[in-house]
PDB file of N, CA and C in Angstrom:
ATOM      1  N   MET A   1      96.076 110.734 109.764  1.00  0.00           N
ATOM      2  CA  MET A   1      95.391 109.482 109.560  1.00  0.00           C
ATOM      3  C   MET A   1      93.878 109.662 109.586  1.00  0.00           C
ATOM      4  N   ASP A   2      93.419 110.733 110.205  1.00  0.00           N
ATOM      5  CA  ASP A   2      91.976 110.965 110.279  1.00  0.00           C
ATOM      6  C   ASP A   2      91.353 111.045 108.887  1.00  0.00           C
ATOM      7  N   GLU A   3      92.055 111.695 107.961  1.00  0.00           N
ATOM      8  CA  GLU A   3      91.551 111.824 106.589  1.00  0.00           C
ATOM      9  C   GLU A   3      91.408 110.451 105.937  1.00  0.00           C
ATOM     10  N   LEU A   4      92.419 109.616 106.096  1.00  0.00           N
ATOM     11  CA  LEU A   4      92.375 108.265 105.522  1.00  0.00           C
ATOM     12  C   LEU A   4      91.270 107.437 106.168  1.00  0.00           C
ATOM     13  N   ILE A   5      91.168 107.484 107.472  1.00  0.00           N
ATOM     14  CA  ILE A   5      90.138 106.714 108.177  1.00  0.00           C
ATOM     15  C   ILE A   5      88.752 107.157 107.706  1.00  0.00           C
ATOM     16  N   ALA A   6      88.540 108.456 107.567  1.00  0.00           N
ATOM     17  CA  ALA A   6      87.256 108.971 107.095  1.00  0.00           C
ATOM     18  C   ALA A   6      86.950 108.479 105.680  1.00  0.00           C
ATOM     19  N   ARG A   7      87.967 108.411 104.825  1.00  0.00           N
ATOM     20  CA  ARG A   7      87.780 107.890 103.462  1.00  0.00           C
ATOM     21  C   ARG A   7      87.367 106.431 103.493  1.00  0.00           C
ATOM     22  N   LEU A   8      87.989 105.665 104.363  1.00  0.00           N
ATOM     23  CA  LEU A   8      87.655 104.240 104.448  1.00  0.00           C
ATOM     24  C   LEU A   8      86.215 104.048 104.925  1.00  0.00           C
ATOM     25  N   VAL A   9      85.823 104.831 105.905  1.00  0.00           N
ATOM     26  CA  VAL A   9      84.452 104.746 106.418  1.00  0.00           C
ATOM     27  C   VAL A   9      83.472 105.106 105.297  1.00  0.00           C
ATOM     28  N   ALA A  10      83.750 106.200 104.571  1.00  0.00           N
ATOM     29  CA  ALA A  10      82.844 106.676 103.525  1.00  0.00           C
ATOM     30  C   ALA A  10      82.861 105.798 102.270  1.00  0.00           C
ATOM     31  N   ASN A  11      84.048 105.431 101.810  1.00  0.00           N
ATOM     32  CA  ASN A  11      84.162 104.748 100.519  1.00  0.00           C
ATOM     33  C   ASN A  11      84.041 103.226 100.583  1.00  0.00           C
ATOM     34  N   VAL A  12      84.439 102.638 101.701  1.00  0.00           N
ATOM     35  CA  VAL A  12      84.404 101.177 101.814  1.00  0.00           C
ATOM     36  C   VAL A  12      83.249 100.733 102.714  1.00  0.00           C
ATOM     37  N   GLY A  13      82.805 101.650 103.582  1.00  0.00           N
ATOM     38  CA  GLY A  13      81.681 101.329 104.449  1.00  0.00           C
ATOM     39  C   GLY A  13      82.051 100.538 105.687  1.00  0.00           C
ATOM     40  N   VAL A  14      83.263 100.763 106.175  1.00  0.00           N
ATOM     41  CA  VAL A  14      83.686 100.069 107.387  1.00  0.00           C
ATOM     42  C   VAL A  14      83.594 101.008 108.586  1.00  0.00           C
ATOM     43  N   ASP A  15      83.488 100.437 109.734  1.00  0.00           N
ATOM     44  CA  ASP A  15      83.435 101.150 111.006  1.00  0.00           C
ATOM     45  C   ASP A  15      84.795 101.804 111.283  1.00  0.00           C
ATOM     46  N   LYS A  16      84.797 102.929 111.975  1.00  0.00           N
ATOM     47  CA  LYS A  16      86.033 103.688 112.253  1.00  0.00           C
ATOM     48  C   LYS A  16      87.084 102.841 112.972  1.00  0.00           C
ATOM     49  N   ILE A  17      86.681 102.103 113.990  1.00  0.00           N
ATOM     50  CA  ILE A  17      87.635 101.283 114.758  1.00  0.00           C
ATOM     51  C   ILE A  17      88.249 100.199 113.869  1.00  0.00           C
ATOM     52  N   VAL A  18      87.415  99.572 113.050  1.00  0.00           N
ATOM     53  CA  VAL A  18      87.902  98.530 112.140  1.00  0.00           C
ATOM     54  C   VAL A  18      88.830  99.147 111.094  1.00  0.00           C
ATOM     55  N   ALA A  19      88.488 100.325 110.605  1.00  0.00           N
ATOM     56  CA  ALA A  19      89.341 101.013 109.631  1.00  0.00           C
ATOM     57  C   ALA A  19      90.715 101.306 110.226  1.00  0.00           C
ATOM     58  N   GLU A  20      90.752 101.769 111.477  1.00  0.00           N
ATOM     59  CA  GLU A  20      92.033 102.043 112.139  1.00  0.00           C
ATOM     60  C   GLU A  20      92.862 100.767 112.266  1.00  0.00           C
ATOM     61  N   LYS A  21      92.214  99.679 112.659  1.00  0.00           N
ATOM     62  CA  LYS A  21      92.936  98.404 112.775  1.00  0.00           C
ATOM     63  C   LYS A  21      93.491  97.977 111.425  1.00  0.00           C
ATOM     64  N   ALA A  22      92.661  98.087 110.377  1.00  0.00           N
ATOM     65  CA  ALA A  22      93.081  97.662 109.041  1.00  0.00           C
ATOM     66  C   ALA A  22      94.272  98.479 108.542  1.00  0.00           C
ATOM     67  N   VAL A  23      94.237  99.790 108.744  1.00  0.00           N
ATOM     68  CA  VAL A  23      95.357 100.636 108.311  1.00  0.00           C
ATOM     69  C   VAL A  23      96.621 100.229 109.063  1.00  0.00           C
ATOM     70  N   GLY A  24      96.511 100.009 110.356  1.00  0.00           N
ATOM     71  CA  GLY A  24      97.674  99.568 111.135  1.00  0.00           C
ATOM     72  C   GLY A  24      98.229  98.250 110.626  1.00  0.00           C
ATOM     73  N   ILE A  25      97.345  97.314 110.285  1.00  0.00           N
ATOM     74  CA  ILE A  25      97.769  96.004 109.774  1.00  0.00           C
ATOM     75  C   ILE A  25      98.478  96.165 108.434  1.00  0.00           C
ATOM     76  N   ILE A  26      97.904  96.980 107.549  1.00  0.00           N
ATOM     77  CA  ILE A  26      98.517  97.183 106.227  1.00  0.00           C
ATOM     78  C   ILE A  26      99.888  97.827 106.363  1.00  0.00           C
ATOM     79  N   LEU A  27      99.995  98.870 107.160  1.00  0.00           N
ATOM     80  CA  LEU A  27     101.295  99.540 107.322  1.00  0.00           C
ATOM     81  C   LEU A  27     102.302  98.625 108.012  1.00  0.00           C
ATOM     82  N   ASP A  28     101.854  97.846 108.986  1.00  0.00           N
ATOM     83  CA  ASP A  28     102.727  96.876 109.651  1.00  0.00           C
ATOM     84  C   ASP A  28     103.221  95.847 108.638  1.00  0.00           C
ATOM     85  N   PHE A  29     102.328  95.391 107.768  1.00  0.00           N
ATOM     86  CA  PHE A  29     102.697  94.456 106.700  1.00  0.00           C
ATOM     87  C   PHE A  29     103.752  95.076 105.784  1.00  0.00           C
ATOM     88  N   LEU A  30     103.523  96.322 105.353  1.00  0.00           N
ATOM     89  CA  LEU A  30     104.487  96.985 104.468  1.00  0.00           C
ATOM     90  C   LEU A  30     105.850  97.105 105.137  1.00  0.00           C
ATOM     91  N   ARG A  31     105.844  97.426 106.432  1.00  0.00           N
ATOM     92  CA  ARG A  31     107.114  97.557 107.156  1.00  0.00           C
ATOM     93  C   ARG A  31     107.866  96.223 107.192  1.00  0.00           C
ATOM     94  N   LYS A  32     107.142  95.141 107.401  1.00  0.00           N
ATOM     95  CA  LYS A  32     107.776  93.826 107.502  1.00  0.00           C
ATOM     96  C   LYS A  32     108.219  93.283 106.148  1.00  0.00           C
ATOM     97  N   GLU A  33     107.454  93.568 105.105  1.00  0.00           N
ATOM     98  CA  GLU A  33     107.689  92.942 103.805  1.00  0.00           C
ATOM     99  C   GLU A  33     108.374  93.830 102.772  1.00  0.00           C
ATOM    100  N   GLY A  34     108.272  95.135 102.946  1.00  0.00           N
ATOM    101  CA  GLY A  34     108.799  96.062 101.941  1.00  0.00           C
ATOM    102  C   GLY A  34     110.218  96.505 102.218  1.00  0.00           C
ATOM    103  N   PRO A  35     110.779  97.299 101.299  1.00  0.00           N
ATOM    104  CA  PRO A  35     112.123  97.839 101.499  1.00  0.00           C
ATOM    105  C   PRO A  35     112.107  98.796 102.702  1.00  0.00           C
ATOM    106  N   PRO A  36     112.879  98.498 103.747  1.00  0.00           N
ATOM    107  CA  PRO A  36     112.804  99.257 104.998  1.00  0.00           C
ATOM    108  C   PRO A  36     112.952 100.769 104.846  1.00  0.00           C
ATOM    109  N   ASP A  37     113.909 101.219 104.053  1.00  0.00           N
ATOM    110  CA  ASP A  37     114.125 102.664 103.919  1.00  0.00           C
ATOM    111  C   ASP A  37     112.951 103.352 103.229  1.00  0.00           C
ATOM    112  N   LYS A  38     112.403 102.725 102.219  1.00  0.00           N
ATOM    113  CA  LYS A  38     111.295 103.324 101.473  1.00  0.00           C
ATOM    114  C   LYS A  38     110.005 103.313 102.297  1.00  0.00           C
ATOM    115  N   VAL A  39     109.778 102.224 103.013  1.00  0.00           N
ATOM    116  CA  VAL A  39     108.579 102.137 103.851  1.00  0.00           C
ATOM    117  C   VAL A  39     108.667 103.140 104.995  1.00  0.00           C
ATOM    118  N   GLN A  40     109.841 103.276 105.600  1.00  0.00           N
ATOM    119  CA  GLN A  40     109.988 104.237 106.690  1.00  0.00           C
ATOM    120  C   GLN A  40     109.769 105.659 106.195  1.00  0.00           C
ATOM    121  N   ALA A  41     110.255 105.963 105.006  1.00  0.00           N
ATOM    122  CA  ALA A  41     110.034 107.301 104.434  1.00  0.00           C
ATOM    123  C   ALA A  41     108.534 107.548 104.234  1.00  0.00           C
ATOM    124  N   LEU A  42     107.810 106.526 103.815  1.00  0.00           N
ATOM    125  CA  LEU A  42     106.359 106.637 103.661  1.00  0.00           C
ATOM    126  C   LEU A  42     105.695 106.873 105.015  1.00  0.00           C
ATOM    127  N   ILE A  43     106.053 106.078 105.994  1.00  0.00           N
ATOM    128  CA  ILE A  43     105.458 106.182 107.326  1.00  0.00           C
ATOM    129  C   ILE A  43     105.716 107.562 107.923  1.00  0.00           C
ATOM    130  N   ASP A  44     106.897 108.091 107.670  1.00  0.00           N
ATOM    131  CA  ASP A  44     107.240 109.427 108.172  1.00  0.00           C
ATOM    132  C   ASP A  44     106.337 110.511 107.591  1.00  0.00           C
ATOM    133  N   ARG A  45     105.747 110.266 106.421  1.00  0.00           N
ATOM    134  CA  ARG A  45     104.856 111.240 105.775  1.00  0.00           C
ATOM    135  C   ARG A  45     103.409 111.095 106.223  1.00  0.00           C
ATOM    136  N   LEU A  46     103.132 110.115 107.076  1.00  0.00           N
ATOM    137  CA  LEU A  46     101.762 109.835 107.499  1.00  0.00           C
ATOM    138  C   LEU A  46     101.628 110.010 109.011  1.00  0.00           C
ATOM    139  N   PRO A  47     101.328 111.220 109.470  1.00  0.00           N
ATOM    140  CA  PRO A  47     101.188 111.440 110.912  1.00  0.00           C
ATOM    141  C   PRO A  47     100.157 110.491 111.521  1.00  0.00           C
ATOM    142  N   GLY A  48     100.535 109.857 112.615  1.00  0.00           N
ATOM    143  CA  GLY A  48      99.647 108.912 113.283  1.00  0.00           C
ATOM    144  C   GLY A  48      99.845 107.473 112.849  1.00  0.00           C
ATOM    145  N   ALA A  49     100.640 107.261 111.805  1.00  0.00           N
ATOM    146  CA  ALA A  49     100.852 105.903 111.288  1.00  0.00           C
ATOM    147  C   ALA A  49     101.526 105.004 112.320  1.00  0.00           C
ATOM    148  N   GLU A  50     102.537 105.523 112.992  1.00  0.00           N
ATOM    149  CA  GLU A  50     103.267 104.712 113.979  1.00  0.00           C
ATOM    150  C   GLU A  50     102.334 104.175 115.058  1.00  0.00           C
ATOM    151  N   THR A  51     101.432 105.020 115.532  1.00  0.00           N
ATOM    152  CA  THR A  51     100.503 104.607 116.589  1.00  0.00           C
ATOM    153  C   THR A  51      99.622 103.465 116.107  1.00  0.00           C
ATOM    154  N   LEU A  52      99.062 103.593 114.896  1.00  0.00           N
ATOM    155  CA  LEU A  52      98.207 102.527 114.365  1.00  0.00           C
ATOM    156  C   LEU A  52      99.000 101.241 114.148  1.00  0.00           C
ATOM    157  N   MET A  53     100.234 101.367 113.716  1.00  0.00           N
ATOM    158  CA  MET A  53     101.085 100.185 113.504  1.00  0.00           C
ATOM    159  C   MET A  53     101.410  99.505 114.828  1.00  0.00           C
ATOM    160  N   GLN A  54     101.698 100.285 115.851  1.00  0.00           N
ATOM    161  CA  GLN A  54     102.003  99.710 117.160  1.00  0.00           C
ATOM    162  C   GLN A  54     100.795  98.966 117.709  1.00  0.00           C
ATOM    163  N   GLN A  55      99.611  99.533 117.516  1.00  0.00           N
ATOM    164  CA  GLN A  55      98.392  98.869 117.968  1.00  0.00           C
ATOM    165  C   GLN A  55      98.179  97.562 117.207  1.00  0.00           C
ATOM    166  N   ALA A  56      98.439  97.574 115.906  1.00  0.00           N
ATOM    167  CA  ALA A  56      98.279  96.368 115.097  1.00  0.00           C
ATOM    168  C   ALA A  56      99.297  95.304 115.498  1.00  0.00           C
ATOM    169  N   ALA A  57     100.526  95.724 115.743  1.00  0.00           N
ATOM    170  CA  ALA A  57     101.565  94.773 116.143  1.00  0.00           C
ATOM    171  C   ALA A  57     101.254  94.181 117.512  1.00  0.00           C
ATOM    172  N   ALA A  58     100.727  95.001 118.420  1.00  0.00           N
ATOM    173  CA  ALA A  58     100.391  94.530 119.762  1.00  0.00           C
ATOM    174  C   ALA A  58      99.252  93.518 119.722  1.00  0.00           C
ATOM    175  N   ALA A  59      98.346  93.691 118.749  1.00  0.00           N
ATOM    176  CA  ALA A  59      97.220  92.760 118.613  1.00  0.00           C
ATOM    177  C   ALA A  59      97.697  91.399 118.111  1.00  0.00           C
ATOM    178  N   GLY A  60      98.851  91.383 117.469  1.00  0.00           N
ATOM    179  CA  GLY A  60      99.422  90.118 117.009  1.00  0.00           C
ATOM    180  C   GLY A  60      98.738  89.563 115.791  1.00  0.00           C
ATOM    181  N   GLY A  61      99.137  88.355 115.425  1.00  0.00           N
ATOM    182  CA  GLY A  61      98.630  87.724 114.216  1.00  0.00           C
ATOM    183  C   GLY A  61      97.562  86.703 114.472  1.00  0.00           C
ATOM    184  N   GLY A  62      97.065  86.630 115.682  1.00  0.00           N
ATOM    185  CA  GLY A  62      96.047  85.627 115.966  1.00  0.00           C
ATOM    186  C   GLY A  62      96.679  84.271 116.195  1.00  0.00           C
ATOM    187  N   MET A  63      95.855  83.259 116.263  1.00  0.00           N
ATOM    188  CA  MET A  63      96.385  81.942 116.598  1.00  0.00           C
ATOM    189  C   MET A  63      97.172  81.320 115.465  1.00  0.00           C
ATOM    190  N   PHE A  64      96.981  81.792 114.244  1.00  0.00           N
ATOM    191  CA  PHE A  64      97.694  81.196 113.126  1.00  0.00           C
ATOM    192  C   PHE A  64      99.067  81.807 112.929  1.00  0.00           C
ATOM    193  N   GLY A  65      99.220  83.090 113.245  1.00  0.00           N
ATOM    194  CA  GLY A  65     100.508  83.755 113.146  1.00  0.00           C
ATOM    195  C   GLY A  65     101.090  83.750 111.738  1.00  0.00           C
ATOM    196  N   MET A  66     100.244  83.656 110.725  1.00  0.00           N
ATOM    197  CA  MET A  66     100.677  83.602 109.338  1.00  0.00           C
ATOM    198  C   MET A  66     101.253  84.954 108.936  1.00  0.00           C
ATOM    199  N   GLY A  67     102.285  84.945 108.122  1.00  0.00           N
ATOM    200  CA  GLY A  67     102.877  86.189 107.667  1.00  0.00           C
ATOM    201  C   GLY A  67     102.502  86.497 106.233  1.00  0.00           C
ATOM    202  N   GLY A  68     103.152  87.502 105.674  1.00  0.00           N
ATOM    203  CA  GLY A  68     102.947  87.858 104.283  1.00  0.00           C
ATOM    204  C   GLY A  68     101.567  88.408 103.992  1.00  0.00           C
ATOM    205  N   ILE A  69     101.228  88.402 102.713  1.00  0.00           N
ATOM    206  CA  ILE A  69      99.946  88.943 102.264  1.00  0.00           C
ATOM    207  C   ILE A  69      98.791  88.183 102.887  1.00  0.00           C
ATOM    208  N   MET A  70      98.879  86.871 102.905  1.00  0.00           N
ATOM    209  CA  MET A  70      97.790  86.065 103.458  1.00  0.00           C
ATOM    210  C   MET A  70      97.601  86.362 104.944  1.00  0.00           C
ATOM    211  N   GLY A  71      98.685  86.534 105.647  1.00  0.00           N
ATOM    212  CA  GLY A  71      98.598  86.853 107.066  1.00  0.00           C
ATOM    213  C   GLY A  71      97.932  88.194 107.306  1.00  0.00           C
ATOM    214  N   ALA A  72      98.282  89.191 106.486  1.00  0.00           N
ATOM    215  CA  ALA A  72      97.670  90.515 106.628  1.00  0.00           C
ATOM    216  C   ALA A  72      96.174  90.433 106.329  1.00  0.00           C
ATOM    217  N   GLY A  73      95.811  89.700 105.290  1.00  0.00           N
ATOM    218  CA  GLY A  73      94.392  89.536 104.955  1.00  0.00           C
ATOM    219  C   GLY A  73      93.633  88.823 106.060  1.00  0.00           C
ATOM    220  N   THR A  74      94.233  87.784 106.607  1.00  0.00           N
ATOM    221  CA  THR A  74      93.605  87.034 107.697  1.00  0.00           C
ATOM    222  C   THR A  74      93.421  87.920 108.919  1.00  0.00           C
ATOM    223  N   ARG A  75      94.423  88.728 109.221  1.00  0.00           N
ATOM    224  CA  ARG A  75      94.332  89.645 110.365  1.00  0.00           C
ATOM    225  C   ARG A  75      93.219  90.667 110.157  1.00  0.00           C
ATOM    226  N   MET A  76      93.071  91.172 108.929  1.00  0.00           N
ATOM    227  CA  MET A  76      92.015  92.149 108.664  1.00  0.00           C
ATOM    228  C   MET A  76      90.634  91.494 108.749  1.00  0.00           C
ATOM    229  N   MET A  77      90.514  90.271 108.277  1.00  0.00           N
ATOM    230  CA  MET A  77      89.225  89.577 108.387  1.00  0.00           C
ATOM    231  C   MET A  77      88.907  89.286 109.852  1.00  0.00           C
ATOM    232  N   ALA A  78      89.921  88.948 110.631  1.00  0.00           N
ATOM    233  CA  ALA A  78      89.709  88.720 112.065  1.00  0.00           C
ATOM    234  C   ALA A  78      89.285  90.012 112.769  1.00  0.00           C
ATOM    235  N   ALA A  79      89.688  91.162 112.204  1.00  0.00           N
ATOM    236  CA  ALA A  79      89.311  92.459 112.773  1.00  0.00           C
ATOM    237  C   ALA A  79      87.885  92.857 112.385  1.00  0.00           C
ATOM    238  N   GLY A  80      87.268  92.091 111.476  1.00  0.00           N
ATOM    239  CA  GLY A  80      85.872  92.350 111.139  1.00  0.00           C
ATOM    240  C   GLY A  80      85.586  92.708 109.695  1.00  0.00           C
ATOM    241  N   LEU A  81      86.581  92.622 108.815  1.00  0.00           N
ATOM    242  CA  LEU A  81      86.361  92.954 107.410  1.00  0.00           C
ATOM    243  C   LEU A  81      85.996  91.704 106.611  1.00  0.00           C
ATOM    244  N   SER A  82      85.146  91.893 105.598  1.00  0.00           N
ATOM    245  CA  SER A  82      84.881  90.809 104.647  1.00  0.00           C
ATOM    246  C   SER A  82      86.036  90.796 103.641  1.00  0.00           C
ATOM    247  N   MET A  83      86.095  89.768 102.809  1.00  0.00           N
ATOM    248  CA  MET A  83      87.153  89.695 101.793  1.00  0.00           C
ATOM    249  C   MET A  83      87.072  90.908 100.856  1.00  0.00           C
ATOM    250  N   GLY A  84      85.856  91.282 100.455  1.00  0.00           N
ATOM    251  CA  GLY A  84      85.694  92.447  99.591  1.00  0.00           C
ATOM    252  C   GLY A  84      86.153  93.732 100.263  1.00  0.00           C
ATOM    253  N   GLN A  85      85.869  93.854 101.556  1.00  0.00           N
ATOM    254  CA  GLN A  85      86.308  95.044 102.293  1.00  0.00           C
ATOM    255  C   GLN A  85      87.816  95.069 102.453  1.00  0.00           C
ATOM    256  N   VAL A  86      88.438  93.906 102.617  1.00  0.00           N
ATOM    257  CA  VAL A  86      89.909  93.848 102.705  1.00  0.00           C
ATOM    258  C   VAL A  86      90.506  94.449 101.438  1.00  0.00           C
ATOM    259  N   GLN A  87      89.987  94.039 100.295  1.00  0.00           N
ATOM    260  CA  GLN A  87      90.505  94.555  99.034  1.00  0.00           C
ATOM    261  C   GLN A  87      90.195  96.043  98.885  1.00  0.00           C
ATOM    262  N   GLY A  88      88.981  96.456  99.248  1.00  0.00           N
ATOM    263  CA  GLY A  88      88.607  97.863  99.163  1.00  0.00           C
ATOM    264  C   GLY A  88      89.471  98.742 100.049  1.00  0.00           C
ATOM    265  N   VAL A  89      89.688  98.296 101.279  1.00  0.00           N
ATOM    266  CA  VAL A  89      90.528  99.045 102.220  1.00  0.00           C
ATOM    267  C   VAL A  89      91.959  99.125 101.689  1.00  0.00           C
ATOM    268  N   THR A  90      92.479  98.011 101.199  1.00  0.00           N
ATOM    269  CA  THR A  90      93.847  97.990 100.688  1.00  0.00           C
ATOM    270  C   THR A  90      94.004  98.960  99.521  1.00  0.00           C
ATOM    271  N   LYS A  91      93.058  98.942  98.597  1.00  0.00           N
ATOM    272  CA  LYS A  91      93.122  99.858  97.448  1.00  0.00           C
ATOM    273  C   LYS A  91      93.053 101.315  97.899  1.00  0.00           C
ATOM    274  N   GLU A  92      92.187 101.623  98.846  1.00  0.00           N
ATOM    275  CA  GLU A  92      92.073 103.000  99.345  1.00  0.00           C
ATOM    276  C   GLU A  92      93.357 103.442 100.055  1.00  0.00           C
ATOM    277  N   VAL A  93      93.944 102.554 100.852  1.00  0.00           N
ATOM    278  CA  VAL A  93      95.181 102.900 101.564  1.00  0.00           C
ATOM    279  C   VAL A  93      96.299 103.176 100.565  1.00  0.00           C
ATOM    280  N   ILE A  94      96.428 102.325  99.555  1.00  0.00           N
ATOM    281  CA  ILE A  94      97.472 102.532  98.550  1.00  0.00           C
ATOM    282  C   ILE A  94      97.214 103.830  97.775  1.00  0.00           C
ATOM    283  N   ALA A  95      95.966 104.089  97.404  1.00  0.00           N
ATOM    284  CA  ALA A  95      95.642 105.340  96.691  1.00  0.00           C
ATOM    285  C   ALA A  95      95.988 106.554  97.546  1.00  0.00           C
ATOM    286  N   TYR A  96      95.652 106.491  98.818  1.00  0.00           N
ATOM    287  CA  TYR A  96      95.942 107.589  99.740  1.00  0.00           C
ATOM    288  C   TYR A  96      97.456 107.794  99.874  1.00  0.00           C
ATOM    289  N   THR A  97      98.193 106.716 100.023  1.00  0.00           N
ATOM    290  CA  THR A  97      99.640 106.850 100.173  1.00  0.00           C
ATOM    291  C   THR A  97     100.286 107.372  98.886  1.00  0.00           C
ATOM    292  N   ARG A  98      99.711 107.020  97.736  1.00  0.00           N
ATOM    293  CA  ARG A  98     100.211 107.579  96.473  1.00  0.00           C
ATOM    294  C   ARG A  98     100.056 109.094  96.477  1.00  0.00           C
ATOM    295  N   GLU A  99      98.914 109.578  96.983  1.00  0.00           N
ATOM    296  CA  GLU A  99      98.675 111.021  97.045  1.00  0.00           C
ATOM    297  C   GLU A  99      99.672 111.703  97.979  1.00  0.00           C
ATOM    298  N   LYS A 100     100.027 111.045  99.066  1.00  0.00           N
ATOM    299  CA  LYS A 100     100.899 111.654 100.076  1.00  0.00           C
ATOM    300  C   LYS A 100     102.379 111.497  99.766  1.00  0.00           C
ATOM    301  N   ALA A 101     102.766 110.363  99.158  1.00  0.00           N
ATOM    302  CA  ALA A 101     104.191 110.098  98.954  1.00  0.00           C
ATOM    303  C   ALA A 101     104.612 110.082  97.492  1.00  0.00           C
ATOM    304  N   GLY A 102     103.656 110.026  96.589  1.00  0.00           N
ATOM    305  CA  GLY A 102     103.986 110.007  95.166  1.00  0.00           C
ATOM    306  C   GLY A 102     103.974 108.609  94.576  1.00  0.00           C
ATOM    307  N   GLU A 103     103.680 108.561  93.297  1.00  0.00           N
ATOM    308  CA  GLU A 103     103.573 107.296  92.564  1.00  0.00           C
ATOM    309  C   GLU A 103     104.881 106.507  92.582  1.00  0.00           C
ATOM    310  N   ASP A 104     106.005 107.184  92.383  1.00  0.00           N
ATOM    311  CA  ASP A 104     107.284 106.479  92.325  1.00  0.00           C
ATOM    312  C   ASP A 104     107.592 105.766  93.630  1.00  0.00           C
ATOM    313  N   ALA A 105     107.407 106.456  94.744  1.00  0.00           N
ATOM    314  CA  ALA A 105     107.715 105.864  96.053  1.00  0.00           C
ATOM    315  C   ALA A 105     106.836 104.640  96.311  1.00  0.00           C
ATOM    316  N   ILE A 106     105.540 104.761  96.047  1.00  0.00           N
ATOM    317  CA  ILE A 106     104.629 103.646  96.302  1.00  0.00           C
ATOM    318  C   ILE A 106     104.868 102.531  95.300  1.00  0.00           C
ATOM    319  N   GLY A 107     105.141 102.890  94.054  1.00  0.00           N
ATOM    320  CA  GLY A 107     105.445 101.885  93.032  1.00  0.00           C
ATOM    321  C   GLY A 107     106.637 101.026  93.423  1.00  0.00           C
ATOM    322  N   GLU A 108     107.655 101.638  93.993  1.00  0.00           N
ATOM    323  CA  GLU A 108     108.843 100.890  94.419  1.00  0.00           C
ATOM    324  C   GLU A 108     108.516  99.940  95.567  1.00  0.00           C
ATOM    325  N   ILE A 109     107.687 100.392  96.497  1.00  0.00           N
ATOM    326  CA  ILE A 109     107.315  99.543  97.634  1.00  0.00           C
ATOM    327  C   ILE A 109     106.466  98.371  97.144  1.00  0.00           C
ATOM    328  N   VAL A 110     105.422  98.680  96.364  1.00  0.00           N
ATOM    329  CA  VAL A 110     104.530  97.625  95.860  1.00  0.00           C
ATOM    330  C   VAL A 110     105.314  96.644  94.990  1.00  0.00           C
ATOM    331  N   GLY A 111     106.180  97.166  94.130  1.00  0.00           N
ATOM    332  CA  GLY A 111     106.973  96.317  93.241  1.00  0.00           C
ATOM    333  C   GLY A 111     107.940  95.405  93.974  1.00  0.00           C
ATOM    334  N   ALA A 112     108.342  95.780  95.177  1.00  0.00           N
ATOM    335  CA  ALA A 112     109.310  94.991  95.940  1.00  0.00           C
ATOM    336  C   ALA A 112     108.651  93.866  96.747  1.00  0.00           C
ATOM    337  N   ILE A 113     107.318  93.863  96.813  1.00  0.00           N
ATOM    338  CA  ILE A 113     106.615  92.854  97.608  1.00  0.00           C
ATOM    339  C   ILE A 113     105.910  91.899  96.651  1.00  0.00           C
ATOM    340  N   PRO A 114     106.414  90.685  96.532  1.00  0.00           N
ATOM    341  CA  PRO A 114     105.827  89.724  95.578  1.00  0.00           C
ATOM    342  C   PRO A 114     104.331  89.504  95.825  1.00  0.00           C
ATOM    343  N   GLY A 115     103.562  89.611  94.746  1.00  0.00           N
ATOM    344  CA  GLY A 115     102.139  89.338  94.795  1.00  0.00           C
ATOM    345  C   GLY A 115     101.257  90.495  95.210  1.00  0.00           C
ATOM    346  N   LEU A 116     101.829  91.569  95.755  1.00  0.00           N
ATOM    347  CA  LEU A 116     100.997  92.662  96.266  1.00  0.00           C
ATOM    348  C   LEU A 116     100.243  93.361  95.143  1.00  0.00           C
ATOM    349  N   SER A 117     100.863  93.524  93.994  1.00  0.00           N
ATOM    350  CA  SER A 117     100.239  94.281  92.909  1.00  0.00           C
ATOM    351  C   SER A 117      98.905  93.675  92.465  1.00  0.00           C
ATOM    352  N   GLN A 118      98.727  92.381  92.603  1.00  0.00           N
ATOM    353  CA  GLN A 118      97.458  91.772  92.179  1.00  0.00           C
ATOM    354  C   GLN A 118      96.311  92.089  93.140  1.00  0.00           C
ATOM    355  N   PHE A 119      96.618  92.600  94.332  1.00  0.00           N
ATOM    356  CA  PHE A 119      95.594  92.948  95.294  1.00  0.00           C
ATOM    357  C   PHE A 119      95.188  94.415  95.252  1.00  0.00           C
ATOM    358  N   ILE A 120      95.944  95.210  94.511  1.00  0.00           N
ATOM    359  CA  ILE A 120      95.623  96.629  94.435  1.00  0.00           C
ATOM    360  C   ILE A 120      95.306  96.968  93.013  1.00  0.00           C
TER     361      ILE A 120
END
């Protein structure tokens, strides 16, 4: 995860702690909304992912507790990201996971979550 976090800091311009929170939120979102077997296979290829997801889950959804894409975006903004940074972080995370798990695996996950493709 260090490589991904460093990319987010360099390419999106977010702080390391905020980047870690955002990655945890995105992966937690994928786990909740995506095909369980495919998402778990992805998570298994990303050392450190479970820890970031557990931290994101422990932080909760805030007072609104909204789920889905909007909930993930709201959680990332509450963690300190602007709307533009939310999109930048999301695109970088998806690009990174494509490199690690392959286009087909990520395509299946993204395709299974309604509305996600318009954000990446």
